PDB file of N, CA and C in Angstrom:
ATOM      1  N   MET A   1     103.342  92.466 -44.032  1.00  0.00           N
ATOM      2  CA  MET A   1     103.338  93.453 -42.960  1.00  0.00           C
ATOM      3  C   MET A   1     103.135  94.835 -43.570  1.00  0.00           C
ATOM      4  N   THR A   2     102.326  95.622 -42.958  1.00  0.00           N
ATOM      5  CA  THR A   2     102.016  96.953 -43.463  1.00  0.00           C
ATOM      6  C   THR A   2     102.612  98.015 -42.549  1.00  0.00           C
ATOM      7  N   THR A   3     102.890  99.172 -43.121  1.00  0.00           N
ATOM      8  CA  THR A   3     103.436 100.284 -42.341  1.00  0.00           C
ATOM      9  C   THR A   3     102.428 101.418 -42.237  1.00  0.00           C
ATOM     10  N   PHE A   4     101.163 101.102 -42.277  1.00  0.00           N
ATOM     11  CA  PHE A   4     100.106 102.105 -42.187  1.00  0.00           C
ATOM     12  C   PHE A   4     100.042 102.660 -40.772  1.00  0.00           C
ATOM     13  N   VAL A   5     100.018 103.976 -40.685  1.00  0.00           N
ATOM     14  CA  VAL A   5      99.887 104.659 -39.404  1.00  0.00           C
ATOM     15  C   VAL A   5      98.677 105.571 -39.513  1.00  0.00           C
ATOM     16  N   PRO A   6      97.745 105.510 -38.553  1.00  0.00           N
ATOM     17  CA  PRO A   6      96.579 106.401 -38.603  1.00  0.00           C
ATOM     18  C   PRO A   6      96.991 107.876 -38.634  1.00  0.00           C
ATOM     19  N   LYS A   7      96.153 108.717 -39.237  1.00  0.00           N
ATOM     20  CA  LYS A   7      96.455 110.143 -39.389  1.00  0.00           C
ATOM     21  C   LYS A   7      96.698 110.831 -38.055  1.00  0.00           C
ATOM     22  N   GLU A   8      95.921 110.470 -37.046  1.00  0.00           N
ATOM     23  CA  GLU A   8      96.076 111.102 -35.726  1.00  0.00           C
ATOM     24  C   GLU A   8      97.432 110.772 -35.111  1.00  0.00           C
ATOM     25  N   VAL A   9      97.848 109.516 -35.266  1.00  0.00           N
ATOM     26  CA  VAL A   9      99.143 109.104 -34.727  1.00  0.00           C
ATOM     27  C   VAL A   9     100.268 109.803 -35.490  1.00  0.00           C
ATOM     28  N   GLN A  10     100.153 109.887 -36.818  1.00  0.00           N
ATOM     29  CA  GLN A  10     101.170 110.558 -37.634  1.00  0.00           C
ATOM     30  C   GLN A  10     101.260 112.038 -37.273  1.00  0.00           C
ATOM     31  N   ALA A  11     100.109 112.680 -37.051  1.00  0.00           N
ATOM     32  CA  ALA A  11     100.109 114.095 -36.660  1.00  0.00           C
ATOM     33  C   ALA A  11     100.794 114.275 -35.310  1.00  0.00           C
ATOM     34  N   GLY A  12     100.549 113.363 -34.367  1.00  0.00           N
ATOM     35  CA  GLY A  12     101.208 113.427 -33.065  1.00  0.00           C
ATOM     36  C   GLY A  12     102.709 113.231 -33.165  1.00  0.00           C
ATOM     37  N   LEU A  13     103.134 112.301 -34.002  1.00  0.00           N
ATOM     38  CA  LEU A  13     104.562 112.065 -34.212  1.00  0.00           C
ATOM     39  C   LEU A  13     105.236 113.286 -34.856  1.00  0.00           C
ATOM     40  N   ASP A  14     104.561 113.886 -35.841  1.00  0.00           N
ATOM     41  CA  ASP A  14     105.112 115.078 -36.496  1.00  0.00           C
ATOM     42  C   ASP A  14     105.245 116.244 -35.531  1.00  0.00           C
ATOM     43  N   SER A  15     104.232 116.458 -34.700  1.00  0.00           N
ATOM     44  CA  SER A  15     104.294 117.579 -33.748  1.00  0.00           C
ATOM     45  C   SER A  15     105.372 117.339 -32.696  1.00  0.00           C
ATOM     46  N   ALA A  16     105.558 116.101 -32.258  1.00  0.00           N
ATOM     47  CA  ALA A  16     106.619 115.792 -31.296  1.00  0.00           C
ATOM     48  C   ALA A  16     107.997 115.991 -31.930  1.00  0.00           C
ATOM     49  N   ARG A  17     108.148 115.618 -33.193  1.00  0.00           N
ATOM     50  CA  ARG A  17     109.415 115.790 -33.892  1.00  0.00           C
ATOM     51  C   ARG A  17     109.747 117.276 -34.036  1.00  0.00           C
ATOM     52  N   LEU A  18     108.754 118.083 -34.422  1.00  0.00           N
ATOM     53  CA  LEU A  18     108.979 119.528 -34.565  1.00  0.00           C
ATOM     54  C   LEU A  18     109.313 120.174 -33.227  1.00  0.00           C
ATOM     55  N   ALA A  19     108.629 119.751 -32.168  1.00  0.00           N
ATOM     56  CA  ALA A  19     108.897 120.319 -30.842  1.00  0.00           C
ATOM     57  C   ALA A  19     110.312 119.997 -30.375  1.00  0.00           C
ATOM     58  N   SER A  20     110.786 118.782 -30.644  1.00  0.00           N
ATOM     59  CA  SER A  20     112.145 118.429 -30.229  1.00  0.00           C
ATOM     60  C   SER A  20     113.184 119.196 -31.052  1.00  0.00           C
ATOM     61  N   MET A  21     112.931 119.415 -32.346  1.00  0.00           N
ATOM     62  CA  MET A  21     113.868 120.188 -33.169  1.00  0.00           C
ATOM     63  C   MET A  21     113.893 121.645 -32.732  1.00  0.00           C
ATOM     64  N   LYS A  22     112.730 122.190 -32.351  1.00  0.00           N
ATOM     65  CA  LYS A  22     112.671 123.581 -31.904  1.00  0.00           C
ATOM     66  C   LYS A  22     113.477 123.796 -30.633  1.00  0.00           C
ATOM     67  N   SER A  23     113.362 122.867 -29.698  1.00  0.00           N
ATOM     68  CA  SER A  23     114.071 123.043 -28.430  1.00  0.00           C
ATOM     69  C   SER A  23     115.562 122.780 -28.572  1.00  0.00           C
ATOM     70  N   ALA A  24     115.978 122.002 -29.556  1.00  0.00           N
ATOM     71  CA  ALA A  24     117.391 121.665 -29.724  1.00  0.00           C
ATOM     72  C   ALA A  24     118.156 122.704 -30.537  1.00  0.00           C
ATOM     73  N   SER A  25     117.491 123.480 -31.366  1.00  0.00           N
ATOM     74  CA  SER A  25     118.172 124.399 -32.270  1.00  0.00           C
ATOM     75  C   SER A  25     118.274 125.801 -31.688  1.00  0.00           C
ATOM     76  N   ARG A  26     119.460 126.398 -31.826  1.00  0.00           N
ATOM     77  CA  ARG A  26     119.663 127.787 -31.416  1.00  0.00           C
ATOM     78  C   ARG A  26     119.665 128.715 -32.609  1.00  0.00           C
ATOM     79  N   LEU A  27     119.576 128.156 -33.800  1.00  0.00           N
ATOM     80  CA  LEU A  27     119.635 128.968 -35.016  1.00  0.00           C
ATOM     81  C   LEU A  27     118.390 129.829 -35.154  1.00  0.00           C
ATOM     82  N   ARG A  28     118.589 131.031 -35.684  1.00  0.00           N
ATOM     83  CA  ARG A  28     117.450 131.908 -35.970  1.00  0.00           C
ATOM     84  C   ARG A  28     117.767 132.737 -37.194  1.00  0.00           C
ATOM     85  N   LEU A  29     116.722 133.192 -37.837  1.00  0.00           N
ATOM     86  CA  LEU A  29     116.838 133.943 -39.077  1.00  0.00           C
ATOM     87  C   LEU A  29     116.295 135.339 -38.851  1.00  0.00           C
ATOM     88  N   SER A  30     116.969 136.336 -39.372  1.00  0.00           N
ATOM     89  CA  SER A  30     116.518 137.713 -39.251  1.00  0.00           C
ATOM     90  C   SER A  30     116.225 138.250 -40.650  1.00  0.00           C
ATOM     91  N   ALA A  31     114.971 138.688 -40.843  1.00  0.00           N
ATOM     92  CA  ALA A  31     114.565 139.242 -42.133  1.00  0.00           C
ATOM     93  C   ALA A  31     113.462 140.267 -41.899  1.00  0.00           C
ATOM     94  N   ASN A  32     113.572 141.407 -42.555  1.00  0.00           N
ATOM     95  CA  ASN A  32     112.549 142.457 -42.470  1.00  0.00           C
ATOM     96  C   ASN A  32     112.265 142.864 -41.028  1.00  0.00           C
ATOM     97  N   ASP A  33     113.315 143.013 -40.221  1.00  0.00           N
ATOM     98  CA  ASP A  33     113.204 143.421 -38.804  1.00  0.00           C
ATOM     99  C   ASP A  33     112.414 142.432 -37.957  1.00  0.00           C
ATOM    100  N   ARG A  34     112.340 141.176 -38.372  1.00  0.00           N
ATOM    101  CA  ARG A  34     111.691 140.114 -37.592  1.00  0.00           C
ATOM    102  C   ARG A  34     112.646 138.943 -37.491  1.00  0.00           C
ATOM    103  N   THR A  35     112.489 138.141 -36.447  1.00  0.00           N
ATOM    104  CA  THR A  35     113.306 136.940 -36.301  1.00  0.00           C
ATOM    105  C   THR A  35     112.409 135.712 -36.307  1.00  0.00           C
ATOM    106  N   TYR A  36     112.933 134.634 -36.877  1.00  0.00           N
ATOM    107  CA  TYR A  36     112.212 133.365 -36.987  1.00  0.00           C
ATOM    108  C   TYR A  36     113.136 132.247 -36.529  1.00  0.00           C
ATOM    109  N   PRO A  37     112.641 131.288 -35.738  1.00  0.00           N
ATOM    110  CA  PRO A  37     113.486 130.165 -35.338  1.00  0.00           C
ATOM    111  C   PRO A  37     113.717 129.204 -36.502  1.00  0.00           C
ATOM    112  N   VAL A  38     114.937 128.719 -36.618  1.00  0.00           N
ATOM    113  CA  VAL A  38     115.308 127.757 -37.656  1.00  0.00           C
ATOM    114  C   VAL A  38     115.371 126.382 -37.006  1.00  0.00           C
ATOM    115  N   LEU A  39     114.695 125.414 -37.607  1.00  0.00           N
ATOM    116  CA  LEU A  39     114.680 124.064 -37.043  1.00  0.00           C
ATOM    117  C   LEU A  39     115.978 123.325 -37.303  1.00  0.00           C
ATOM    118  N   ARG A  40     116.430 123.328 -38.539  1.00  0.00           N
ATOM    119  CA  ARG A  40     117.666 122.635 -38.884  1.00  0.00           C
ATOM    120  C   ARG A  40     118.282 123.268 -40.124  1.00  0.00           C
ATOM    121  N   MET A  41     119.573 123.001 -40.298  1.00  0.00           N
ATOM    122  CA  MET A  41     120.302 123.569 -41.428  1.00  0.00           C
ATOM    123  C   MET A  41     121.171 122.484 -42.030  1.00  0.00           C
ATOM    124  N   TRP A  42     121.303 122.484 -43.340  1.00  0.00           N
ATOM    125  CA  TRP A  42     122.188 121.555 -44.042  1.00  0.00           C
ATOM    126  C   TRP A  42     122.989 122.341 -45.057  1.00  0.00           C
ATOM    127  N   LYS A  43     123.795 121.669 -45.842  1.00  0.00           N
ATOM    128  CA  LYS A  43     124.754 122.334 -46.731  1.00  0.00           C
ATOM    129  C   LYS A  43     124.096 123.288 -47.726  1.00  0.00           C
ATOM    130  N   SER A  44     122.954 122.928 -48.274  1.00  0.00           N
ATOM    131  CA  SER A  44     122.334 123.736 -49.327  1.00  0.00           C
ATOM    132  C   SER A  44     121.078 124.469 -48.886  1.00  0.00           C
ATOM    133  N   GLY A  45     120.723 124.426 -47.602  1.00  0.00           N
ATOM    134  CA  GLY A  45     119.528 125.119 -47.162  1.00  0.00           C
ATOM    135  C   GLY A  45     119.226 124.941 -45.689  1.00  0.00           C
ATOM    136  N   PHE A  46     118.002 125.291 -45.315  1.00  0.00           N
ATOM    137  CA  PHE A  46     117.545 125.176 -43.935  1.00  0.00           C
ATOM    138  C   PHE A  46     116.031 125.048 -43.938  1.00  0.00           C
ATOM    139  N   SER A  47     115.466 124.782 -42.762  1.00  0.00           N
ATOM    140  CA  SER A  47     114.012 124.677 -42.657  1.00  0.00           C
ATOM    141  C   SER A  47     113.516 125.389 -41.409  1.00  0.00           C
ATOM    142  N   MET A  48     112.276 125.860 -41.499  1.00  0.00           N
ATOM    143  CA  MET A  48     111.586 126.479 -40.377  1.00  0.00           C
ATOM    144  C   MET A  48     110.231 125.796 -40.242  1.00  0.00           C
ATOM    145  N   GLU A  49     109.590 125.980 -39.103  1.00  0.00           N
ATOM    146  CA  GLU A  49     108.260 125.408 -38.914  1.00  0.00           C
ATOM    147  C   GLU A  49     107.306 126.061 -39.909  1.00  0.00           C
ATOM    148  N   ALA A  50     106.521 125.254 -40.600  1.00  0.00           N
ATOM    149  CA  ALA A  50     105.653 125.753 -41.667  1.00  0.00           C
ATOM    150  C   ALA A  50     104.589 126.709 -41.139  1.00  0.00           C
ATOM    151  N   GLU A  51     104.090 126.431 -39.953  1.00  0.00           N
ATOM    152  CA  GLU A  51     103.058 127.300 -39.377  1.00  0.00           C
ATOM    153  C   GLU A  51     103.695 128.619 -38.961  1.00  0.00           C
ATOM    154  N   GLY A  52     103.319 129.688 -39.622  1.00  0.00           N
ATOM    155  CA  GLY A  52     103.846 131.011 -39.317  1.00  0.00           C
ATOM    156  C   GLY A  52     105.100 131.382 -40.079  1.00  0.00           C
ATOM    157  N   ALA A  53     105.600 130.493 -40.916  1.00  0.00           N
ATOM    158  CA  ALA A  53     106.808 130.798 -41.695  1.00  0.00           C
ATOM    159  C   ALA A  53     106.407 131.479 -43.003  1.00  0.00           C
ATOM    160  N   PRO A  54     106.965 132.640 -43.281  1.00  0.00           N
ATOM    161  CA  PRO A  54     106.655 133.318 -44.543  1.00  0.00           C
ATOM    162  C   PRO A  54     107.400 132.674 -45.705  1.00  0.00           C
ATOM    163  N   ARG A  55     106.914 132.889 -46.893  1.00  0.00           N
ATOM    164  CA  ARG A  55     107.613 132.408 -48.093  1.00  0.00           C
ATOM    165  C   ARG A  55     108.657 133.448 -48.471  1.00  0.00           C
ATOM    166  N   LEU A  56     109.763 133.404 -47.749  1.00  0.00           N
ATOM    167  CA  LEU A  56     110.821 134.400 -47.910  1.00  0.00           C
ATOM    168  C   LEU A  56     111.585 134.210 -49.207  1.00  0.00           C
ATOM    169  N   ARG A  57     112.070 135.331 -49.710  1.00  0.00           N
ATOM    170  CA  ARG A  57     112.923 135.339 -50.887  1.00  0.00           C
ATOM    171  C   ARG A  57     113.774 136.596 -50.794  1.00  0.00           C
ATOM    172  N   GLY A  58     115.086 136.445 -50.866  1.00  0.00           N
ATOM    173  CA  GLY A  58     115.970 137.600 -50.814  1.00  0.00           C
ATOM    174  C   GLY A  58     117.059 137.451 -49.779  1.00  0.00           C
ATOM    175  N   TYR A  59     117.611 138.600 -49.320  1.00  0.00           N
ATOM    176  CA  TYR A  59     118.713 138.603 -48.379  1.00  0.00           C
ATOM    177  C   TYR A  59     118.215 138.491 -46.952  1.00  0.00           C
ATOM    178  N   VAL A  60     118.837 137.605 -46.180  1.00  0.00           N
ATOM    179  CA  VAL A  60     118.522 137.414 -44.768  1.00  0.00           C
ATOM    180  C   VAL A  60     119.820 137.193 -44.006  1.00  0.00           C
ATOM    181  N   ASP A  61     119.751 137.292 -42.688  1.00  0.00           N
ATOM    182  CA  ASP A  61     120.901 137.031 -41.824  1.00  0.00           C
ATOM    183  C   ASP A  61     120.601 135.813 -40.969  1.00  0.00           C
ATOM    184  N   LEU A  62     121.585 134.941 -40.802  1.00  0.00           N
ATOM    185  CA  LEU A  62     121.441 133.715 -40.029  1.00  0.00           C
ATOM    186  C   LEU A  62     122.313 133.811 -38.786  1.00  0.00           C
ATOM    187  N   TYR A  63     121.733 133.556 -37.610  1.00  0.00           N
ATOM    188  CA  TYR A  63     122.411 133.680 -36.325  1.00  0.00           C
ATOM    189  C   TYR A  63     122.393 132.356 -35.573  1.00  0.00           C
ATOM    190  N   ASP A  64     123.427 132.139 -34.766  1.00  0.00           N
ATOM    191  CA  ASP A  64     123.449 131.048 -33.794  1.00  0.00           C
ATOM    192  C   ASP A  64     123.473 131.722 -32.435  1.00  0.00           C
ATOM    193  N   GLY A  65     122.316 131.832 -31.810  1.00  0.00           N
ATOM    194  CA  GLY A  65     122.209 132.620 -30.590  1.00  0.00           C
ATOM    195  C   GLY A  65     122.430 134.078 -30.928  1.00  0.00           C
ATOM    196  N   ALA A  66     123.476 134.681 -30.374  1.00  0.00           N
ATOM    197  CA  ALA A  66     123.792 136.084 -30.663  1.00  0.00           C
ATOM    198  C   ALA A  66     124.916 136.222 -31.681  1.00  0.00           C
ATOM    199  N   ILE A  67     125.461 135.113 -32.146  1.00  0.00           N
ATOM    200  CA  ILE A  67     126.594 135.141 -33.076  1.00  0.00           C
ATOM    201  C   ILE A  67     126.088 135.179 -34.510  1.00  0.00           C
ATOM    202  N   HIS A  68     126.479 136.219 -35.224  1.00  0.00           N
ATOM    203  CA  HIS A  68     126.077 136.375 -36.624  1.00  0.00           C
ATOM    204  C   HIS A  68     126.936 135.439 -37.469  1.00  0.00           C
ATOM    205  N   LEU A  69     126.312 134.418 -38.082  1.00  0.00           N
ATOM    206  CA  LEU A  69     127.053 133.413 -38.840  1.00  0.00           C
ATOM    207  C   LEU A  69     127.164 133.731 -40.322  1.00  0.00           C
ATOM    208  N   PHE A  70     126.010 133.964 -40.975  1.00  0.00           N
ATOM    209  CA  PHE A  70     125.986 134.091 -42.424  1.00  0.00           C
ATOM    210  C   PHE A  70     125.049 135.194 -42.885  1.00  0.00           C
ATOM    211  N   GLN A  71     125.388 135.770 -44.042  1.00  0.00           N
ATOM    212  CA  GLN A  71     124.458 136.582 -44.807  1.00  0.00           C
ATOM    213  C   GLN A  71     124.081 135.713 -45.995  1.00  0.00           C
ATOM    214  N   CYS A  72     122.785 135.560 -46.227  1.00  0.00           N
ATOM    215  CA  CYS A  72     122.323 134.584 -47.204  1.00  0.00           C
ATOM    216  C   CYS A  72     121.371 135.213 -48.211  1.00  0.00           C
ATOM    217  N   LEU A  73     121.408 134.692 -49.404  1.00  0.00           N
ATOM    218  CA  LEU A  73     120.398 134.954 -50.420  1.00  0.00           C
ATOM    219  C   LEU A  73     119.627 133.663 -50.530  1.00  0.00           C
ATOM    220  N   ILE A  74     118.309 133.702 -50.225  1.00  0.00           N
ATOM    221  CA  ILE A  74     117.528 132.470 -50.143  1.00  0.00           C
ATOM    222  C   ILE A  74     116.291 132.539 -51.014  1.00  0.00           C
ATOM    223  N   VAL A  75     115.674 131.373 -51.212  1.00  0.00           N
ATOM    224  CA  VAL A  75     114.391 131.271 -51.875  1.00  0.00           C
ATOM    225  C   VAL A  75     113.628 130.121 -51.211  1.00  0.00           C
ATOM    226  N   ALA A  76     112.329 130.314 -50.960  1.00  0.00           N
ATOM    227  CA  ALA A  76     111.491 129.261 -50.393  1.00  0.00           C
ATOM    228  C   ALA A  76     111.241 128.207 -51.463  1.00  0.00           C
ATOM    229  N   THR A  77     111.366 126.927 -51.092  1.00  0.00           N
ATOM    230  CA  THR A  77     111.214 125.876 -52.093  1.00  0.00           C
ATOM    231  C   THR A  77     109.962 125.048 -51.898  1.00  0.00           C
ATOM    232  N   GLU A  78     109.771 124.445 -50.714  1.00  0.00           N
ATOM    233  CA  GLU A  78     108.626 123.554 -50.536  1.00  0.00           C
ATOM    234  C   GLU A  78     108.237 123.454 -49.073  1.00  0.00           C
ATOM    235  N   GLU A  79     107.032 122.965 -48.864  1.00  0.00           N
ATOM    236  CA  GLU A  79     106.544 122.680 -47.526  1.00  0.00           C
ATOM    237  C   GLU A  79     106.296 121.182 -47.450  1.00  0.00           C
ATOM    238  N   GLU A  80     106.902 120.548 -46.437  1.00  0.00           N
ATOM    239  CA  GLU A  80     106.757 119.104 -46.296  1.00  0.00           C
ATOM    240  C   GLU A  80     106.838 118.714 -44.830  1.00  0.00           C
ATOM    241  N   ALA A  81     105.907 117.903 -44.371  1.00  0.00           N
ATOM    242  CA  ALA A  81     105.885 117.351 -43.010  1.00  0.00           C
ATOM    243  C   ALA A  81     105.975 118.442 -41.941  1.00  0.00           C
ATOM    244  N   GLY A  82     105.271 119.540 -42.141  1.00  0.00           N
ATOM    245  CA  GLY A  82     105.252 120.607 -41.151  1.00  0.00           C
ATOM    246  C   GLY A  82     106.452 121.532 -41.182  1.00  0.00           C
ATOM    247  N   GLU A  83     107.310 121.384 -42.170  1.00  0.00           N
ATOM    248  CA  GLU A  83     108.494 122.234 -42.303  1.00  0.00           C
ATOM    249  C   GLU A  83     108.444 122.995 -43.617  1.00  0.00           C
ATOM    250  N   MET A  84     108.830 124.252 -43.581  1.00  0.00           N
ATOM    251  CA  MET A  84     109.008 125.057 -44.794  1.00  0.00           C
ATOM    252  C   MET A  84     110.490 125.050 -45.093  1.00  0.00           C
ATOM    253  N   ARG A  85     110.849 124.623 -46.299  1.00  0.00           N
ATOM    254  CA  ARG A  85     112.260 124.491 -46.668  1.00  0.00           C
ATOM    255  C   ARG A  85     112.690 125.640 -47.562  1.00  0.00           C
ATOM    256  N   TYR A  86     113.920 126.070 -47.340  1.00  0.00           N
ATOM    257  CA  TYR A  86     114.513 127.172 -48.086  1.00  0.00           C
ATOM    258  C   TYR A  86     115.859 126.721 -48.647  1.00  0.00           C
ATOM    259  N   GLU A  87     116.207 127.192 -49.819  1.00  0.00           N
ATOM    260  CA  GLU A  87     117.487 126.879 -50.456  1.00  0.00           C
ATOM    261  C   GLU A  87     118.363 128.122 -50.453  1.00  0.00           C
ATOM    262  N   PHE A  88     119.661 127.903 -50.276  1.00  0.00           N
ATOM    263  CA  PHE A  88     120.625 128.995 -50.372  1.00  0.00           C
ATOM    264  C   PHE A  88     120.971 129.223 -51.835  1.00  0.00           C
ATOM    265  N   LYS A  89     120.906 130.466 -52.275  1.00  0.00           N
ATOM    266  CA  LYS A  89     121.433 130.844 -53.575  1.00  0.00           C
ATOM    267  C   LYS A  89     122.846 131.401 -53.399  1.00  0.00           C
ATOM    268  N   ARG A  90     123.067 132.007 -52.245  1.00  0.00           N
ATOM    269  CA  ARG A  90     124.396 132.502 -51.876  1.00  0.00           C
ATOM    270  C   ARG A  90     124.497 132.436 -50.365  1.00  0.00           C
ATOM    271  N   LEU A  91     125.649 132.024 -49.870  1.00  0.00           N
ATOM    272  CA  LEU A  91     125.884 131.894 -48.436  1.00  0.00           C
ATOM    273  C   LEU A  91     127.263 132.475 -48.142  1.00  0.00           C
ATOM    274  N   THR A  92     127.307 133.608 -47.439  1.00  0.00           N
ATOM    275  CA  THR A  92     128.558 134.291 -47.158  1.00  0.00           C
ATOM    276  C   THR A  92     128.793 134.324 -45.659  1.00  0.00           C
ATOM    277  N   ALA A  93     129.917 133.778 -45.230  1.00  0.00           N
ATOM    278  CA  ALA A  93     130.260 133.788 -43.811  1.00  0.00           C
ATOM    279  C   ALA A  93     130.599 135.207 -43.367  1.00  0.00           C
ATOM    280  N   VAL A  94     130.189 135.556 -42.165  1.00  0.00           N
ATOM    281  CA  VAL A  94     130.458 136.875 -41.597  1.00  0.00           C
ATOM    282  C   VAL A  94     131.726 136.774 -40.768  1.00  0.00           C
ATOM    283  N   SER A  95     132.641 137.722 -40.955  1.00  0.00           N
ATOM    284  CA  SER A  95     133.885 137.707 -40.177  1.00  0.00           C
ATOM    285  C   SER A  95     133.880 138.862 -39.181  1.00  0.00           C
ATOM    286  N   GLU A  96     134.691 138.705 -38.153  1.00  0.00           N
ATOM    287  CA  GLU A  96     134.780 139.716 -37.093  1.00  0.00           C
ATOM    288  C   GLU A  96     135.577 140.945 -37.535  1.00  0.00           C
ATOM    289  N   ALA A  97     136.554 140.742 -38.412  1.00  0.00           N
ATOM    290  CA  ALA A  97     137.432 141.838 -38.827  1.00  0.00           C
ATOM    291  C   ALA A  97     137.240 142.123 -40.313  1.00  0.00           C
ATOM    292  N   ALA A  98     137.592 143.324 -40.691  1.00  0.00           N
ATOM    293  CA  ALA A  98     137.513 143.695 -42.107  1.00  0.00           C
ATOM    294  C   ALA A  98     138.567 142.925 -42.891  1.00  0.00           C
ATOM    295  N   PRO A  99     138.282 142.568 -44.124  1.00  0.00           N
ATOM    296  CA  PRO A  99     139.279 141.839 -44.913  1.00  0.00           C
ATOM    297  C   PRO A  99     140.464 142.733 -45.264  1.00  0.00           C
ATOM    298  N   LEU A 100     141.635 142.126 -45.320  1.00  0.00           N
ATOM    299  CA  LEU A 100     142.846 142.860 -45.685  1.00  0.00           C
ATOM    300  C   LEU A 100     142.982 142.878 -47.197  1.00  0.00           C
ATOM    301  N   ASP A 101     143.490 143.971 -47.731  1.00  0.00           N
ATOM    302  CA  ASP A 101     143.708 144.037 -49.171  1.00  0.00           C
ATOM    303  C   ASP A 101     145.199 143.920 -49.500  1.00  0.00           C
ATOM    304  N   PHE A 102     145.963 143.348 -48.553  1.00  0.00           N
ATOM    305  CA  PHE A 102     147.388 143.125 -48.760  1.00  0.00           C
ATOM    306  C   PHE A 102     147.783 141.890 -47.954  1.00  0.00           C
ATOM    307  N   GLU A 103     148.944 141.344 -48.274  1.00  0.00           N
ATOM    308  CA  GLU A 103     149.445 140.183 -47.538  1.00  0.00           C
ATOM    309  C   GLU A 103     150.194 140.658 -46.313  1.00  0.00           C
ATOM    310  N   ARG A 104     149.879 140.087 -45.177  1.00  0.00           N
ATOM    311  CA  ARG A 104     150.545 140.455 -43.940  1.00  0.00           C
ATOM    312  C   ARG A 104     151.671 139.459 -43.681  1.00  0.00           C
ATOM    313  N   ALA A 105     152.881 139.968 -43.522  1.00  0.00           N
ATOM    314  CA  ALA A 105     154.037 139.106 -43.264  1.00  0.00           C
ATOM    315  C   ALA A 105     153.927 138.484 -41.885  1.00  0.00           C
ATOM    316  N   GLU A 106     154.430 137.262 -41.746  1.00  0.00           N
ATOM    317  CA  GLU A 106     154.356 136.568 -40.460  1.00  0.00           C
ATOM    318  C   GLU A 106     155.184 137.262 -39.388  1.00  0.00           C
ATOM    319  N   ASP A 107     156.310 137.890 -39.781  1.00  0.00           N
ATOM    320  CA  ASP A 107     157.178 138.544 -38.805  1.00  0.00           C
ATOM    321  C   ASP A 107     156.936 140.054 -38.733  1.00  0.00           C
ATOM    322  N   ALA A 108     155.810 140.517 -39.196  1.00  0.00           N
ATOM    323  CA  ALA A 108     155.496 141.947 -39.152  1.00  0.00           C
ATOM    324  C   ALA A 108     155.256 142.384 -37.714  1.00  0.00           C
ATOM    325  N   PRO A 109     155.661 143.614 -37.365  1.00  0.00           N
ATOM    326  CA  PRO A 109     155.428 144.093 -35.998  1.00  0.00           C
ATOM    327  C   PRO A 109     153.926 144.270 -35.721  1.00  0.00           C
ATOM    328  N   VAL A 110     153.567 144.029 -34.483  1.00  0.00           N
ATOM    329  CA  VAL A 110     152.177 144.142 -34.087  1.00  0.00           C
ATOM    330  C   VAL A 110     151.825 145.592 -33.781  1.00  0.00           C
ATOM    331  N   ALA A 111     152.759 146.319 -33.181  1.00  0.00           N
ATOM    332  CA  ALA A 111     152.518 147.714 -32.823  1.00  0.00           C
ATOM    333  C   ALA A 111     153.835 148.483 -32.894  1.00  0.00           C
ATOM    334  N   LEU A 112     153.725 149.785 -32.891  1.00  0.00           N
ATOM    335  CA  LEU A 112     154.901 150.652 -32.922  1.00  0.00           C
ATOM    336  C   LEU A 112     155.131 151.216 -31.521  1.00  0.00           C
ATOM    337  N   LEU A 113     156.296 150.923 -30.994  1.00  0.00           N
ATOM    338  CA  LEU A 113     156.653 151.439 -29.677  1.00  0.00           C
ATOM    339  C   LEU A 113     157.589 152.617 -29.875  1.00  0.00           C
ATOM    340  N   GLU A 114     157.207 153.772 -29.338  1.00  0.00           N
ATOM    341  CA  GLU A 114     158.032 154.965 -29.458  1.00  0.00           C
ATOM    342  C   GLU A 114     159.046 155.013 -28.326  1.00  0.00           C
ATOM    343  N   GLU A 115     160.188 155.601 -28.612  1.00  0.00           N
ATOM    344  CA  GLU A 115     161.242 155.730 -27.610  1.00  0.00           C
ATOM    345  C   GLU A 115     160.881 156.868 -26.657  1.00  0.00           C
ATOM    346  N   GLN A 116     160.922 156.604 -25.350  1.00  0.00           N
ATOM    347  CA  GLN A 116     160.613 157.605 -24.325  1.00  0.00           C
ATOM    348  C   GLN A 116     161.910 158.301 -23.890  1.00  0.00           C
ATOM    349  N   ARG A 117     161.918 159.626 -23.852  1.00  0.00           N
ATOM    350  CA  ARG A 117     163.117 160.380 -23.435  1.00  0.00           C
ATOM    351  C   ARG A 117     162.851 161.202 -22.229  1.00  0.00           C
TER     352      ARG A 117
END
C-alpha cells in the first residue's frame, strides 16, 4: 500500500489546515509597529503563515487578543508546510503590576484609615 498523494491534493490539504489554524488562533505578534497573526505556539516557539511572514529576529510582543502575554527574543528558524517557524531565545511573561522589591507580610494592612474628628 502506498501513501502517495498528488501535489494538487496535498496543496489543498495544506491550505485547509492553515485556514483552520488561522480561524482558531487568537494569538498575534507585534513587531516594528506591525501585527502578524500567529497560527500556533508551543513551549520553545511559534509559527506564522509563511506567505507574508518576515524573517524576524529580535524583540517582539506576543498577544492573545488584547491581552499582552509575553515579551520575547526570537529568531526565525525554518519554513515548512506553509508555516514559518520561530524559536524563543527568551520568553518573559508580562505582569499587570510592578514587581515588589520587598516581601509583603500576609497580615499587612491594605490601606491607612485616618481618624476623623
